[in-house]
Amino acid sequence: MPEDLLDPDLRPTVLEESTFQERLDRWVDVMNTCEQFLLAGLRREIGPDGDLDAAYRQWYEQQMEEHDRTMIHLLEQLNRRLGSGG
């Protein structure tokens, strides 16, 4: 998405002069934060005594099934558009 379409408050704040390592560290921080949100959401669903590892495995399995369905659909569309018979 072009930057001029983003709300200024939502634009990434990576400074041009930041190093690769600083950018990588920032990305890792974002990924860790996302994981914490995911785990908190799962914990909310299963309650304080639920099995968080099992809930995560189930969530991940569902995500991968959805991903596989999406990839199959995209490949079918590509195959159809290329006119290939199989």
N, C-alpha and C. Protein backbone atom coordinates (compact mmCIF):
# COMPACT_ATOMS: atom_id res chain seq x y z
N MET A 1 0.86 -1.17 0.00
CA MET A 1 0.00 0.00 0.00
C MET A 1 0.90 1.23 0.00
N PRO A 2 0.64 2.16 -0.88
CA PRO A 2 1.46 3.38 -0.90
C PRO A 2 1.35 4.13 0.42
N GLU A 3 2.49 4.67 0.85
CA GLU A 3 2.52 5.36 2.14
C GLU A 3 1.56 6.54 2.21
N ASP A 4 1.33 7.21 1.08
CA ASP A 4 0.47 8.38 1.12
C ASP A 4 -0.99 8.02 1.41
N LEU A 5 -1.34 6.71 1.33
CA LEU A 5 -2.70 6.29 1.65
C LEU A 5 -2.86 5.91 3.11
N LEU A 6 -1.76 5.80 3.83
CA LEU A 6 -1.82 5.42 5.23
C LEU A 6 -2.07 6.63 6.12
N ASP A 7 -2.85 6.41 7.14
CA ASP A 7 -3.03 7.44 8.17
C ASP A 7 -1.65 7.72 8.76
N PRO A 8 -1.25 8.98 8.89
CA PRO A 8 0.08 9.29 9.42
C PRO A 8 0.37 8.64 10.77
N ASP A 9 -0.66 8.46 11.59
CA ASP A 9 -0.46 7.85 12.90
C ASP A 9 -0.18 6.35 12.79
N LEU A 10 -0.51 5.75 11.64
CA LEU A 10 -0.32 4.31 11.47
C LEU A 10 0.92 3.97 10.65
N ARG A 11 1.60 4.97 10.16
CA ARG A 11 2.79 4.71 9.36
C ARG A 11 3.91 4.13 10.21
N PRO A 12 4.68 3.23 9.62
CA PRO A 12 5.83 2.70 10.36
C PRO A 12 6.77 3.83 10.74
N THR A 13 7.41 3.68 11.89
CA THR A 13 8.29 4.73 12.37
C THR A 13 9.76 4.34 12.26
N VAL A 14 10.08 3.47 11.31
CA VAL A 14 11.47 3.08 11.12
C VAL A 14 12.23 4.27 10.54
N LEU A 15 13.27 4.66 11.23
CA LEU A 15 14.06 5.79 10.76
C LEU A 15 14.99 5.34 9.64
N GLU A 16 15.13 6.17 8.65
CA GLU A 16 15.99 5.84 7.52
C GLU A 16 17.42 5.53 7.94
N GLU A 17 17.89 6.17 8.99
CA GLU A 17 19.28 5.97 9.41
C GLU A 17 19.45 4.77 10.34
N SER A 18 18.35 4.04 10.62
CA SER A 18 18.49 2.88 11.49
C SER A 18 19.24 1.76 10.78
N THR A 19 19.95 0.99 11.56
CA THR A 19 20.75 -0.09 11.00
C THR A 19 19.87 -1.30 10.72
N PHE A 20 20.41 -2.23 9.97
CA PHE A 20 19.70 -3.48 9.70
C PHE A 20 19.36 -4.18 11.01
N GLN A 21 20.32 -4.23 11.93
CA GLN A 21 20.08 -4.91 13.20
C GLN A 21 18.97 -4.23 13.99
N GLU A 22 18.93 -2.91 13.98
CA GLU A 22 17.87 -2.19 14.69
C GLU A 22 16.51 -2.49 14.07
N ARG A 23 16.46 -2.56 12.75
CA ARG A 23 15.20 -2.88 12.07
C ARG A 23 14.78 -4.32 12.36
N LEU A 24 15.74 -5.21 12.35
CA LEU A 24 15.46 -6.61 12.66
C LEU A 24 14.96 -6.75 14.10
N ASP A 25 15.61 -6.07 15.02
CA ASP A 25 15.19 -6.10 16.42
C ASP A 25 13.76 -5.59 16.57
N ARG A 26 13.43 -4.56 15.85
CA ARG A 26 12.08 -3.99 15.91
C ARG A 26 11.06 -5.00 15.37
N TRP A 27 11.42 -5.66 14.28
CA TRP A 27 10.53 -6.67 13.71
C TRP A 27 10.30 -7.81 14.70
N VAL A 28 11.37 -8.27 15.33
CA VAL A 28 11.25 -9.34 16.33
C VAL A 28 10.35 -8.88 17.47
N ASP A 29 10.49 -7.65 17.92
CA ASP A 29 9.62 -7.13 18.98
C ASP A 29 8.15 -7.16 18.55
N VAL A 30 7.87 -6.79 17.30
CA VAL A 30 6.50 -6.81 16.80
C VAL A 30 5.97 -8.24 16.76
N MET A 31 6.78 -9.18 16.29
CA MET A 31 6.36 -10.58 16.24
C MET A 31 6.09 -11.12 17.65
N ASN A 32 6.94 -10.78 18.60
CA ASN A 32 6.73 -11.22 19.98
C ASN A 32 5.45 -10.63 20.57
N THR A 33 5.19 -9.37 20.26
CA THR A 33 3.96 -8.73 20.73
C THR A 33 2.73 -9.41 20.14
N CYS A 34 2.79 -9.72 18.84
CA CYS A 34 1.67 -10.42 18.19
C CYS A 34 1.42 -11.78 18.84
N GLU A 35 2.50 -12.48 19.14
CA GLU A 35 2.38 -13.78 19.80
C GLU A 35 1.71 -13.64 21.16
N GLN A 36 2.08 -12.61 21.90
CA GLN A 36 1.48 -12.40 23.22
C GLN A 36 -0.01 -12.09 23.10
N PHE A 37 -0.42 -11.33 22.08
CA PHE A 37 -1.84 -11.08 21.86
C PHE A 37 -2.57 -12.38 21.52
N LEU A 38 -1.97 -13.20 20.67
CA LEU A 38 -2.57 -14.48 20.31
C LEU A 38 -2.75 -15.36 21.55
N LEU A 39 -1.68 -15.50 22.32
CA LEU A 39 -1.76 -16.34 23.51
C LEU A 39 -2.77 -15.80 24.52
N ALA A 40 -2.85 -14.49 24.66
CA ALA A 40 -3.83 -13.90 25.57
C ALA A 40 -5.25 -14.19 25.09
N GLY A 41 -5.47 -14.11 23.77
CA GLY A 41 -6.79 -14.42 23.23
C GLY A 41 -7.17 -15.88 23.44
N LEU A 42 -6.20 -16.76 23.22
CA LEU A 42 -6.46 -18.18 23.46
C LEU A 42 -6.74 -18.44 24.94
N ARG A 43 -5.96 -17.81 25.80
CA ARG A 43 -6.16 -17.98 27.24
C ARG A 43 -7.56 -17.51 27.63
N ARG A 44 -8.00 -16.42 27.06
CA ARG A 44 -9.35 -15.91 27.36
C ARG A 44 -10.41 -16.94 26.94
N GLU A 45 -10.18 -17.59 25.80
CA GLU A 45 -11.15 -18.57 25.31
C GLU A 45 -11.18 -19.84 26.17
N ILE A 46 -10.02 -20.29 26.63
CA ILE A 46 -9.97 -21.57 27.33
C ILE A 46 -10.05 -21.43 28.84
N GLY A 47 -9.90 -20.23 29.33
CA GLY A 47 -9.96 -20.01 30.77
C GLY A 47 -8.63 -20.29 31.45
N PRO A 48 -8.54 -19.94 32.72
CA PRO A 48 -7.27 -20.03 33.44
C PRO A 48 -6.77 -21.47 33.63
N ASP A 49 -7.67 -22.44 33.58
CA ASP A 49 -7.26 -23.83 33.81
C ASP A 49 -7.14 -24.63 32.52
N GLY A 50 -7.38 -23.99 31.37
CA GLY A 50 -7.31 -24.69 30.10
C GLY A 50 -5.88 -24.99 29.67
N ASP A 51 -5.74 -25.90 28.73
CA ASP A 51 -4.44 -26.31 28.21
C ASP A 51 -4.04 -25.37 27.07
N LEU A 52 -3.17 -24.41 27.38
CA LEU A 52 -2.77 -23.41 26.40
C LEU A 52 -2.02 -24.04 25.23
N ASP A 53 -1.17 -25.02 25.49
CA ASP A 53 -0.44 -25.67 24.41
C ASP A 53 -1.40 -26.37 23.44
N ALA A 54 -2.39 -27.05 23.98
CA ALA A 54 -3.38 -27.73 23.12
C ALA A 54 -4.19 -26.72 22.33
N ALA A 55 -4.57 -25.62 22.98
CA ALA A 55 -5.33 -24.58 22.28
C ALA A 55 -4.50 -23.98 21.15
N TYR A 56 -3.22 -23.78 21.41
CA TYR A 56 -2.35 -23.23 20.36
C TYR A 56 -2.22 -24.22 19.22
N ARG A 57 -2.02 -25.50 19.51
CA ARG A 57 -1.92 -26.51 18.44
C ARG A 57 -3.18 -26.54 17.60
N GLN A 58 -4.34 -26.47 18.25
CA GLN A 58 -5.60 -26.47 17.51
C GLN A 58 -5.71 -25.22 16.63
N TRP A 59 -5.37 -24.07 17.19
CA TRP A 59 -5.42 -22.82 16.42
C TRP A 59 -4.49 -22.92 15.21
N TYR A 60 -3.28 -23.42 15.44
CA TYR A 60 -2.30 -23.52 14.36
C TYR A 60 -2.78 -24.48 13.28
N GLU A 61 -3.35 -25.61 13.67
CA GLU A 61 -3.87 -26.56 12.70
C GLU A 61 -4.96 -25.93 11.85
N GLN A 62 -5.85 -25.18 12.48
CA GLN A 62 -6.90 -24.49 11.74
C GLN A 62 -6.32 -23.47 10.76
N GLN A 63 -5.30 -22.73 11.20
CA GLN A 63 -4.66 -21.75 10.33
C GLN A 63 -4.03 -22.41 9.12
N MET A 64 -3.37 -23.53 9.34
CA MET A 64 -2.70 -24.24 8.24
C MET A 64 -3.71 -24.85 7.27
N GLU A 65 -4.83 -25.35 7.79
CA GLU A 65 -5.88 -25.86 6.91
C GLU A 65 -6.44 -24.74 6.04
N GLU A 66 -6.66 -23.59 6.64
CA GLU A 66 -7.15 -22.44 5.88
C GLU A 66 -6.12 -21.99 4.85
N HIS A 67 -4.86 -21.97 5.24
CA HIS A 67 -3.78 -21.61 4.32
C HIS A 67 -3.74 -22.58 3.15
N ASP A 68 -3.84 -23.87 3.44
CA ASP A 68 -3.81 -24.87 2.37
C ASP A 68 -4.98 -24.68 1.41
N ARG A 69 -6.17 -24.43 1.96
CA ARG A 69 -7.34 -24.20 1.09
C ARG A 69 -7.12 -22.97 0.21
N THR A 70 -6.56 -21.93 0.79
CA THR A 70 -6.29 -20.71 0.02
C THR A 70 -5.28 -20.98 -1.09
N MET A 71 -4.21 -21.69 -0.77
CA MET A 71 -3.18 -21.98 -1.78
C MET A 71 -3.73 -22.86 -2.89
N ILE A 72 -4.54 -23.85 -2.53
CA ILE A 72 -5.15 -24.71 -3.55
C ILE A 72 -6.05 -23.89 -4.45
N HIS A 73 -6.85 -23.01 -3.87
CA HIS A 73 -7.73 -22.15 -4.66
C HIS A 73 -6.92 -21.27 -5.61
N LEU A 74 -5.85 -20.67 -5.10
CA LEU A 74 -5.02 -19.81 -5.95
C LEU A 74 -4.37 -20.60 -7.08
N LEU A 75 -3.91 -21.80 -6.79
CA LEU A 75 -3.31 -22.63 -7.84
C LEU A 75 -4.34 -23.06 -8.87
N GLU A 76 -5.55 -23.36 -8.42
CA GLU A 76 -6.62 -23.70 -9.36
C GLU A 76 -6.93 -22.52 -10.26
N GLN A 77 -6.99 -21.31 -9.69
CA GLN A 77 -7.23 -20.11 -10.48
C GLN A 77 -6.11 -19.88 -11.49
N LEU A 78 -4.87 -20.03 -11.05
CA LEU A 78 -3.74 -19.86 -11.94
C LEU A 78 -3.78 -20.88 -13.06
N ASN A 79 -4.06 -22.11 -12.72
CA ASN A 79 -4.14 -23.18 -13.70
C ASN A 79 -5.23 -22.87 -14.73
N ARG A 80 -6.37 -22.42 -14.24
CA ARG A 80 -7.49 -22.08 -15.14
C ARG A 80 -7.13 -20.92 -16.07
N ARG A 81 -6.48 -19.90 -15.50
CA ARG A 81 -6.12 -18.72 -16.30
C ARG A 81 -5.04 -19.01 -17.32
N LEU A 82 -4.16 -19.95 -16.99
CA LEU A 82 -3.12 -20.31 -17.94
C LEU A 82 -3.64 -21.26 -19.01
N GLY A 83 -4.86 -21.76 -18.80
CA GLY A 83 -5.46 -22.62 -19.79
C GLY A 83 -4.92 -24.03 -19.79
N SER A 84 -4.29 -24.40 -18.72
CA SER A 84 -3.71 -25.73 -18.62
C SER A 84 -4.80 -26.72 -18.25
N GLY A 85 -4.72 -27.87 -18.86
CA GLY A 85 -5.71 -28.90 -18.59
C GLY A 85 -5.35 -29.78 -17.41
N GLY A 86 -4.24 -29.54 -16.77
CA GLY A 86 -3.92 -30.35 -15.61
C GLY A 86 -2.49 -30.59 -15.57
